[in-house]
Amino acid sequence: MGAPPLIVLRKQPVAINVKRVGNLFAATVTPPHGRGSFWSTSEPLEAWVLIQKLRDEVGCHTTDITDALYDEDPFWSNRSGTAGLKD
């Protein structure tokens, strides 16, 4: 008998798009990510507020959120700080 078939599970990337607006950030999350519905900020937010909203309201993982922030602005944490971020 041969070896059992190899099953590869791949995590779908979270489609988080972040745009810097001054020292604030706007974001959109597109389906099927973010609990399957489109989500967008109504106005630019401080980074820590955006992180909390994406994590708590949309269901995004903190690592995916900070990756999107770093893609948009490698110095986002220096510029905006994360003093209000709660685990």
PDB file of N, CA and C in Angstrom:
ATOM      1  N   MET A   1       0.846  -1.187   0.000  1.00  0.00           N
ATOM      2  CA  MET A   1       0.000   0.000   0.000  1.00  0.00           C
ATOM      3  C   MET A   1       0.882   1.238   0.000  1.00  0.00           C
ATOM      4  N   GLY A   2       0.425   2.259  -0.665  1.00  0.00           N
ATOM      5  CA  GLY A   2       1.158   3.515  -0.746  1.00  0.00           C
ATOM      6  C   GLY A   2       0.895   4.405   0.460  1.00  0.00           C
ATOM      7  N   ALA A   3       1.627   5.455   0.503  1.00  0.00           N
ATOM      8  CA  ALA A   3       1.460   6.437   1.578  1.00  0.00           C
ATOM      9  C   ALA A   3       0.110   7.135   1.437  1.00  0.00           C
ATOM     10  N   PRO A   4      -0.493   7.560   2.550  1.00  0.00           N
ATOM     11  CA  PRO A   4      -1.765   8.286   2.465  1.00  0.00           C
ATOM     12  C   PRO A   4      -1.554   9.618   1.738  1.00  0.00           C
ATOM     13  N   PRO A   5      -2.606  10.140   1.129  1.00  0.00           N
ATOM     14  CA  PRO A   5      -2.450  11.405   0.407  1.00  0.00           C
ATOM     15  C   PRO A   5      -2.074  12.528   1.374  1.00  0.00           C
ATOM     16  N   LEU A   6      -1.274  13.429   0.877  1.00  0.00           N
ATOM     17  CA  LEU A   6      -0.842  14.584   1.659  1.00  0.00           C
ATOM     18  C   LEU A   6      -1.923  15.649   1.602  1.00  0.00           C
ATOM     19  N   ILE A   7      -2.343  16.111   2.744  1.00  0.00           N
ATOM     20  CA  ILE A   7      -3.347  17.173   2.811  1.00  0.00           C
ATOM     21  C   ILE A   7      -2.640  18.436   3.280  1.00  0.00           C
ATOM     22  N   VAL A   8      -2.778  19.485   2.511  1.00  0.00           N
ATOM     23  CA  VAL A   8      -2.140  20.761   2.839  1.00  0.00           C
ATOM     24  C   VAL A   8      -3.241  21.764   3.149  1.00  0.00           C
ATOM     25  N   LEU A   9      -3.203  22.308   4.335  1.00  0.00           N
ATOM     26  CA  LEU A   9      -4.161  23.345   4.721  1.00  0.00           C
ATOM     27  C   LEU A   9      -3.473  24.692   4.589  1.00  0.00           C
ATOM     28  N   ARG A  10      -4.131  25.600   3.933  1.00  0.00           N
ATOM     29  CA  ARG A  10      -3.565  26.934   3.747  1.00  0.00           C
ATOM     30  C   ARG A  10      -4.485  27.962   4.352  1.00  0.00           C
ATOM     31  N   LYS A  11      -3.919  28.840   5.125  1.00  0.00           N
ATOM     32  CA  LYS A  11      -4.681  29.925   5.712  1.00  0.00           C
ATOM     33  C   LYS A  11      -4.906  30.996   4.651  1.00  0.00           C
ATOM     34  N   GLN A  12      -6.147  31.417   4.515  1.00  0.00           N
ATOM     35  CA  GLN A  12      -6.463  32.486   3.577  1.00  0.00           C
ATOM     36  C   GLN A  12      -5.935  33.806   4.137  1.00  0.00           C
ATOM     37  N   PRO A  13      -5.285  34.627   3.314  1.00  0.00           N
ATOM     38  CA  PRO A  13      -4.831  35.910   3.817  1.00  0.00           C
ATOM     39  C   PRO A  13      -6.015  36.829   4.083  1.00  0.00           C
ATOM     40  N   VAL A  14      -5.885  37.670   5.083  1.00  0.00           N
ATOM     41  CA  VAL A  14      -6.935  38.628   5.393  1.00  0.00           C
ATOM     42  C   VAL A  14      -6.738  39.840   4.505  1.00  0.00           C
ATOM     43  N   ALA A  15      -7.780  40.231   3.803  1.00  0.00           N
ATOM     44  CA  ALA A  15      -7.699  41.361   2.883  1.00  0.00           C
ATOM     45  C   ALA A  15      -7.958  42.662   3.642  1.00  0.00           C
ATOM     46  N   ILE A  16      -6.921  43.171   4.280  1.00  0.00           N
ATOM     47  CA  ILE A  16      -7.000  44.436   4.997  1.00  0.00           C
ATOM     48  C   ILE A  16      -6.212  45.464   4.194  1.00  0.00           C
ATOM     49  N   ASN A  17      -6.880  46.501   3.772  1.00  0.00           N
ATOM     50  CA  ASN A  17      -6.231  47.581   3.037  1.00  0.00           C
ATOM     51  C   ASN A  17      -6.199  48.818   3.913  1.00  0.00           C
ATOM     52  N   VAL A  18      -4.997  49.334   4.162  1.00  0.00           N
ATOM     53  CA  VAL A  18      -4.812  50.488   5.045  1.00  0.00           C
ATOM     54  C   VAL A  18      -4.210  51.630   4.245  1.00  0.00           C
ATOM     55  N   LYS A  19      -4.717  52.840   4.478  1.00  0.00           N
ATOM     56  CA  LYS A  19      -4.170  54.055   3.863  1.00  0.00           C
ATOM     57  C   LYS A  19      -3.865  55.059   4.965  1.00  0.00           C
ATOM     58  N   ARG A  20      -2.676  55.630   4.896  1.00  0.00           N
ATOM     59  CA  ARG A  20      -2.281  56.648   5.866  1.00  0.00           C
ATOM     60  C   ARG A  20      -2.854  57.996   5.442  1.00  0.00           C
ATOM     61  N   VAL A  21      -3.419  58.708   6.419  1.00  0.00           N
ATOM     62  CA  VAL A  21      -3.963  60.045   6.211  1.00  0.00           C
ATOM     63  C   VAL A  21      -3.359  60.926   7.298  1.00  0.00           C
ATOM     64  N   GLY A  22      -2.248  61.606   6.990  1.00  0.00           N
ATOM     65  CA  GLY A  22      -1.512  62.334   8.021  1.00  0.00           C
ATOM     66  C   GLY A  22      -0.933  61.342   9.006  1.00  0.00           C
ATOM     67  N   ASN A  23      -1.252  61.494  10.281  1.00  0.00           N
ATOM     68  CA  ASN A  23      -0.818  60.542  11.303  1.00  0.00           C
ATOM     69  C   ASN A  23      -1.921  59.552  11.668  1.00  0.00           C
ATOM     70  N   LEU A  24      -3.004  59.535  10.879  1.00  0.00           N
ATOM     71  CA  LEU A  24      -4.134  58.646  11.109  1.00  0.00           C
ATOM     72  C   LEU A  24      -4.192  57.616   9.991  1.00  0.00           C
ATOM     73  N   PHE A  25      -5.098  56.646  10.145  1.00  0.00           N
ATOM     74  CA  PHE A  25      -5.206  55.566   9.166  1.00  0.00           C
ATOM     75  C   PHE A  25      -6.664  55.241   8.876  1.00  0.00           C
ATOM     76  N   ALA A  26      -6.951  55.009   7.596  1.00  0.00           N
ATOM     77  CA  ALA A  26      -8.262  54.526   7.164  1.00  0.00           C
ATOM     78  C   ALA A  26      -8.061  53.091   6.677  1.00  0.00           C
ATOM     79  N   ALA A  27      -9.101  52.284   6.776  1.00  0.00           N
ATOM     80  CA  ALA A  27      -8.962  50.882   6.370  1.00  0.00           C
ATOM     81  C   ALA A  27     -10.255  50.340   5.788  1.00  0.00           C
ATOM     82  N   THR A  28     -10.088  49.320   4.930  1.00  0.00           N
ATOM     83  CA  THR A  28     -11.216  48.537   4.433  1.00  0.00           C
ATOM     84  C   THR A  28     -10.854  47.057   4.552  1.00  0.00           C
ATOM     85  N   VAL A  29     -11.861  46.252   4.785  1.00  0.00           N
ATOM     86  CA  VAL A  29     -11.709  44.795   4.812  1.00  0.00           C
ATOM     87  C   VAL A  29     -12.765  44.253   3.864  1.00  0.00           C
ATOM     88  N   THR A  30     -12.339  43.361   2.954  1.00  0.00           N
ATOM     89  CA  THR A  30     -13.265  42.851   1.953  1.00  0.00           C
ATOM     90  C   THR A  30     -13.569  41.369   2.182  1.00  0.00           C
ATOM     91  N   PRO A  31     -14.793  40.948   1.800  1.00  0.00           N
ATOM     92  CA  PRO A  31     -15.159  39.542   1.930  1.00  0.00           C
ATOM     93  C   PRO A  31     -14.256  38.661   1.085  1.00  0.00           C
ATOM     94  N   PRO A  32     -14.086  37.427   1.431  1.00  0.00           N
ATOM     95  CA  PRO A  32     -14.797  36.702   2.482  1.00  0.00           C
ATOM     96  C   PRO A  32     -14.194  36.910   3.861  1.00  0.00           C
ATOM     97  N   HIS A  33     -13.232  37.800   3.989  1.00  0.00           N
ATOM     98  CA  HIS A  33     -12.570  38.047   5.264  1.00  0.00           C
ATOM     99  C   HIS A  33     -13.413  38.981   6.121  1.00  0.00           C
ATOM    100  N   GLY A  34     -12.986  39.192   7.325  1.00  0.00           N
ATOM    101  CA  GLY A  34     -13.725  40.082   8.206  1.00  0.00           C
ATOM    102  C   GLY A  34     -15.147  39.608   8.456  1.00  0.00           C
ATOM    103  N   ARG A  35     -15.276  38.333   8.769  1.00  0.00           N
ATOM    104  CA  ARG A  35     -16.580  37.717   9.067  1.00  0.00           C
ATOM    105  C   ARG A  35     -17.511  37.745   7.855  1.00  0.00           C
ATOM    106  N   GLY A  36     -16.938  37.845   6.655  1.00  0.00           N
ATOM    107  CA  GLY A  36     -17.713  37.694   5.435  1.00  0.00           C
ATOM    108  C   GLY A  36     -18.440  38.912   4.920  1.00  0.00           C
ATOM    109  N   SER A  37     -18.206  40.081   5.498  1.00  0.00           N
ATOM    110  CA  SER A  37     -18.883  41.265   4.992  1.00  0.00           C
ATOM    111  C   SER A  37     -17.885  42.401   4.794  1.00  0.00           C
ATOM    112  N   PHE A  38     -18.230  43.325   3.933  1.00  0.00           N
ATOM    113  CA  PHE A  38     -17.390  44.486   3.681  1.00  0.00           C
ATOM    114  C   PHE A  38     -17.391  45.374   4.921  1.00  0.00           C
ATOM    115  N   TRP A  39     -16.224  45.908   5.272  1.00  0.00           N
ATOM    116  CA  TRP A  39     -16.116  46.819   6.413  1.00  0.00           C
ATOM    117  C   TRP A  39     -15.164  47.937   6.035  1.00  0.00           C
ATOM    118  N   SER A  40     -15.473  49.139   6.479  1.00  0.00           N
ATOM    119  CA  SER A  40     -14.623  50.288   6.191  1.00  0.00           C
ATOM    120  C   SER A  40     -14.733  51.299   7.318  1.00  0.00           C
ATOM    121  N   THR A  41     -13.639  52.000   7.584  1.00  0.00           N
ATOM    122  CA  THR A  41     -13.703  53.086   8.554  1.00  0.00           C
ATOM    123  C   THR A  41     -14.517  54.225   7.949  1.00  0.00           C
ATOM    124  N   SER A  42     -15.237  54.942   8.788  1.00  0.00           N
ATOM    125  CA  SER A  42     -16.004  56.098   8.299  1.00  0.00           C
ATOM    126  C   SER A  42     -15.143  57.357   8.256  1.00  0.00           C
ATOM    127  N   GLU A  43     -14.020  57.297   8.971  1.00  0.00           N
ATOM    128  CA  GLU A  43     -13.060  58.402   8.993  1.00  0.00           C
ATOM    129  C   GLU A  43     -11.710  57.846   9.425  1.00  0.00           C
ATOM    130  N   PRO A  44     -10.623  58.558   9.148  1.00  0.00           N
ATOM    131  CA  PRO A  44      -9.308  58.087   9.608  1.00  0.00           C
ATOM    132  C   PRO A  44      -9.254  58.027  11.136  1.00  0.00           C
ATOM    133  N   LEU A  45      -8.519  57.035  11.641  1.00  0.00           N
ATOM    134  CA  LEU A  45      -8.435  56.778  13.085  1.00  0.00           C
ATOM    135  C   LEU A  45      -6.981  56.702  13.526  1.00  0.00           C
ATOM    136  N   GLU A  46      -6.759  56.899  14.827  1.00  0.00           N
ATOM    137  CA  GLU A  46      -5.445  56.625  15.383  1.00  0.00           C
ATOM    138  C   GLU A  46      -5.186  55.132  15.230  1.00  0.00           C
ATOM    139  N   ALA A  47      -3.916  54.762  15.097  1.00  0.00           N
ATOM    140  CA  ALA A  47      -3.561  53.367  14.844  1.00  0.00           C
ATOM    141  C   ALA A  47      -4.130  52.431  15.899  1.00  0.00           C
ATOM    142  N   TRP A  48      -4.005  52.780  17.177  1.00  0.00           N
ATOM    143  CA  TRP A  48      -4.472  51.868  18.223  1.00  0.00           C
ATOM    144  C   TRP A  48      -5.983  51.693  18.189  1.00  0.00           C
ATOM    145  N   VAL A  49      -6.721  52.744  17.801  1.00  0.00           N
ATOM    146  CA  VAL A  49      -8.178  52.636  17.678  1.00  0.00           C
ATOM    147  C   VAL A  49      -8.517  51.727  16.499  1.00  0.00           C
ATOM    148  N   LEU A  50      -7.802  51.914  15.388  1.00  0.00           N
ATOM    149  CA  LEU A  50      -8.024  51.065  14.220  1.00  0.00           C
ATOM    150  C   LEU A  50      -7.746  49.601  14.538  1.00  0.00           C
ATOM    151  N   ILE A  51      -6.654  49.345  15.230  1.00  0.00           N
ATOM    152  CA  ILE A  51      -6.313  47.963  15.595  1.00  0.00           C
ATOM    153  C   ILE A  51      -7.425  47.339  16.429  1.00  0.00           C
ATOM    154  N   GLN A  52      -7.915  48.075  17.422  1.00  0.00           N
ATOM    155  CA  GLN A  52      -8.986  47.542  18.273  1.00  0.00           C
ATOM    156  C   GLN A  52     -10.257  47.267  17.482  1.00  0.00           C
ATOM    157  N   LYS A  53     -10.640  48.194  16.605  1.00  0.00           N
ATOM    158  CA  LYS A  53     -11.860  48.002  15.816  1.00  0.00           C
ATOM    159  C   LYS A  53     -11.726  46.797  14.880  1.00  0.00           C
ATOM    160  N   LEU A  54     -10.593  46.716  14.189  1.00  0.00           N
ATOM    161  CA  LEU A  54     -10.404  45.587  13.275  1.00  0.00           C
ATOM    162  C   LEU A  54     -10.387  44.253  14.012  1.00  0.00           C
ATOM    163  N   ARG A  55      -9.790  44.247  15.183  1.00  0.00           N
ATOM    164  CA  ARG A  55      -9.710  43.009  15.964  1.00  0.00           C
ATOM    165  C   ARG A  55     -11.060  42.664  16.593  1.00  0.00           C
ATOM    166  N   ASP A  56     -11.667  43.624  17.286  1.00  0.00           N
ATOM    167  CA  ASP A  56     -12.859  43.340  18.082  1.00  0.00           C
ATOM    168  C   ASP A  56     -14.155  43.347  17.278  1.00  0.00           C
ATOM    169  N   GLU A  57     -14.290  44.278  16.329  1.00  0.00           N
ATOM    170  CA  GLU A  57     -15.538  44.398  15.574  1.00  0.00           C
ATOM    171  C   GLU A  57     -15.541  43.564  14.293  1.00  0.00           C
ATOM    172  N   VAL A  58     -14.367  43.424  13.677  1.00  0.00           N
ATOM    173  CA  VAL A  58     -14.307  42.760  12.381  1.00  0.00           C
ATOM    174  C   VAL A  58     -13.774  41.335  12.494  1.00  0.00           C
ATOM    175  N   GLY A  59     -13.019  41.036  13.549  1.00  0.00           N
ATOM    176  CA  GLY A  59     -12.502  39.694  13.756  1.00  0.00           C
ATOM    177  C   GLY A  59     -11.157  39.423  13.107  1.00  0.00           C
ATOM    178  N   CYS A  60     -10.427  40.481  12.758  1.00  0.00           N
ATOM    179  CA  CYS A  60      -9.107  40.308  12.149  1.00  0.00           C
ATOM    180  C   CYS A  60      -8.063  40.005  13.225  1.00  0.00           C
ATOM    181  N   HIS A  61      -7.029  39.291  12.842  1.00  0.00           N
ATOM    182  CA  HIS A  61      -5.943  38.955  13.757  1.00  0.00           C
ATOM    183  C   HIS A  61      -4.982  40.134  13.851  1.00  0.00           C
ATOM    184  N   THR A  62      -4.492  40.400  15.054  1.00  0.00           N
ATOM    185  CA  THR A  62      -3.595  41.532  15.293  1.00  0.00           C
ATOM    186  C   THR A  62      -2.377  41.502  14.368  1.00  0.00           C
ATOM    187  N   THR A  63      -1.829  40.329  14.122  1.00  0.00           N
ATOM    188  CA  THR A  63      -0.655  40.227  13.242  1.00  0.00           C
ATOM    189  C   THR A  63      -0.999  40.680  11.825  1.00  0.00           C
ATOM    190  N   ASP A  64      -2.169  40.281  11.311  1.00  0.00           N
ATOM    191  CA  ASP A  64      -2.585  40.712   9.978  1.00  0.00           C
ATOM    192  C   ASP A  64      -2.787  42.221   9.919  1.00  0.00           C
ATOM    193  N   ILE A  65      -3.327  42.775  10.984  1.00  0.00           N
ATOM    194  CA  ILE A  65      -3.569  44.225  11.045  1.00  0.00           C
ATOM    195  C   ILE A  65      -2.243  44.979  11.042  1.00  0.00           C
ATOM    196  N   THR A  66      -1.328  44.581  11.914  1.00  0.00           N
ATOM    197  CA  THR A  66      -0.050  45.303  11.978  1.00  0.00           C
ATOM    198  C   THR A  66       0.772  45.097  10.710  1.00  0.00           C
ATOM    199  N   ASP A  67       0.651  43.929  10.072  1.00  0.00           N
ATOM    200  CA  ASP A  67       1.312  43.728   8.775  1.00  0.00           C
ATOM    201  C   ASP A  67       0.791  44.735   7.749  1.00  0.00           C
ATOM    202  N   ALA A  68      -0.524  44.946   7.718  1.00  0.00           N
ATOM    203  CA  ALA A  68      -1.116  45.911   6.782  1.00  0.00           C
ATOM    204  C   ALA A  68      -0.658  47.330   7.111  1.00  0.00           C
ATOM    205  N   LEU A  69      -0.560  47.648   8.399  1.00  0.00           N
ATOM    206  CA  LEU A  69      -0.063  48.975   8.793  1.00  0.00           C
ATOM    207  C   LEU A  69       1.386  49.155   8.362  1.00  0.00           C
ATOM    208  N   TYR A  70       2.228  48.154   8.591  1.00  0.00           N
ATOM    209  CA  TYR A  70       3.633  48.236   8.176  1.00  0.00           C
ATOM    210  C   TYR A  70       3.778  48.327   6.654  1.00  0.00           C
ATOM    211  N   ASP A  71       2.907  47.648   5.909  1.00  0.00           N
ATOM    212  CA  ASP A  71       2.944  47.743   4.449  1.00  0.00           C
ATOM    213  C   ASP A  71       2.665  49.173   3.981  1.00  0.00           C
ATOM    214  N   GLU A  72       1.756  49.834   4.652  1.00  0.00           N
ATOM    215  CA  GLU A  72       1.402  51.213   4.286  1.00  0.00           C
ATOM    216  C   GLU A  72       2.422  52.220   4.797  1.00  0.00           C
ATOM    217  N   ASP A  73       2.917  52.005   6.023  1.00  0.00           N
ATOM    218  CA  ASP A  73       3.834  52.956   6.643  1.00  0.00           C
ATOM    219  C   ASP A  73       4.756  52.211   7.604  1.00  0.00           C
ATOM    220  N   PRO A  74       6.000  51.952   7.191  1.00  0.00           N
ATOM    221  CA  PRO A  74       6.925  51.202   8.046  1.00  0.00           C
ATOM    222  C   PRO A  74       7.180  51.856   9.413  1.00  0.00           C
ATOM    223  N   PHE A  75       6.860  53.142   9.539  1.00  0.00           N
ATOM    224  CA  PHE A  75       7.106  53.858  10.795  1.00  0.00           C
ATOM    225  C   PHE A  75       5.807  54.202  11.523  1.00  0.00           C
ATOM    226  N   TRP A  76       4.723  53.467  11.221  1.00  0.00           N
ATOM    227  CA  TRP A  76       3.423  53.789  11.808  1.00  0.00           C
ATOM    228  C   TRP A  76       3.445  53.786  13.323  1.00  0.00           C
ATOM    229  N   SER A  77       4.166  52.857  13.944  1.00  0.00           N
ATOM    230  CA  SER A  77       4.142  52.769  15.413  1.00  0.00           C
ATOM    231  C   SER A  77       4.895  53.930  16.051  1.00  0.00           C
ATOM    232  N   ASN A  78       5.909  54.453  15.393  1.00  0.00           N
ATOM    233  CA  ASN A  78       6.620  55.618  15.902  1.00  0.00           C
ATOM    234  C   ASN A  78       5.780  56.881  15.760  1.00  0.00           C
ATOM    235  N   ARG A  79       5.042  56.961  14.667  1.00  0.00           N
ATOM    236  CA  ARG A  79       4.264  58.145  14.351  1.00  0.00           C
ATOM    237  C   ARG A  79       3.010  58.280  15.222  1.00  0.00           C
ATOM    238  N   SER A  80       2.336  57.164  15.442  1.00  0.00           N
ATOM    239  CA  SER A  80       1.045  57.237  16.099  1.00  0.00           C
ATOM    240  C   SER A  80       1.021  56.665  17.499  1.00  0.00           C
ATOM    241  N   GLY A  81       1.987  55.823  17.824  1.00  0.00           N
ATOM    242  CA  GLY A  81       2.001  55.229  19.154  1.00  0.00           C
ATOM    243  C   GLY A  81       0.867  54.238  19.344  1.00  0.00           C
ATOM    244  N   THR A  82       0.986  53.427  20.347  1.00  0.00           N
ATOM    245  CA  THR A  82      -0.050  52.433  20.649  1.00  0.00           C
ATOM    246  C   THR A  82      -0.376  52.464  22.140  1.00  0.00           C
ATOM    247  N   ALA A  83      -0.298  53.649  22.731  1.00  0.00           N
ATOM    248  CA  ALA A  83      -0.502  53.769  24.177  1.00  0.00           C
ATOM    249  C   ALA A  83      -1.891  53.288  24.617  1.00  0.00           C
ATOM    250  N   GLY A  84      -2.894  53.435  23.755  1.00  0.00           N
ATOM    251  CA  GLY A  84      -4.234  53.039  24.152  1.00  0.00           C
ATOM    252  C   GLY A  84      -4.581  51.612  23.821  1.00  0.00           C
ATOM    253  N   LEU A  85      -3.681  50.878  23.200  1.00  0.00           N
ATOM    254  CA  LEU A  85      -3.962  49.501  22.803  1.00  0.00           C
ATOM    255  C   LEU A  85      -4.040  48.593  24.009  1.00  0.00           C
ATOM    256  N   LYS A  86      -5.152  47.886  24.117  1.00  0.00           N
ATOM    257  CA  LYS A  86      -5.360  46.950  25.224  1.00  0.00           C
ATOM    258  C   LYS A  86      -5.422  45.547  24.668  1.00  0.00           C
ATOM    259  N   ASP A  87      -4.808  44.604  25.351  1.00  0.00           N
ATOM    260  CA  ASP A  87      -4.848  43.206  24.927  1.00  0.00           C
ATOM    261  C   ASP A  87      -6.198  42.591  25.246  1.00  0.00           C
TER     262      ASP A  87
END
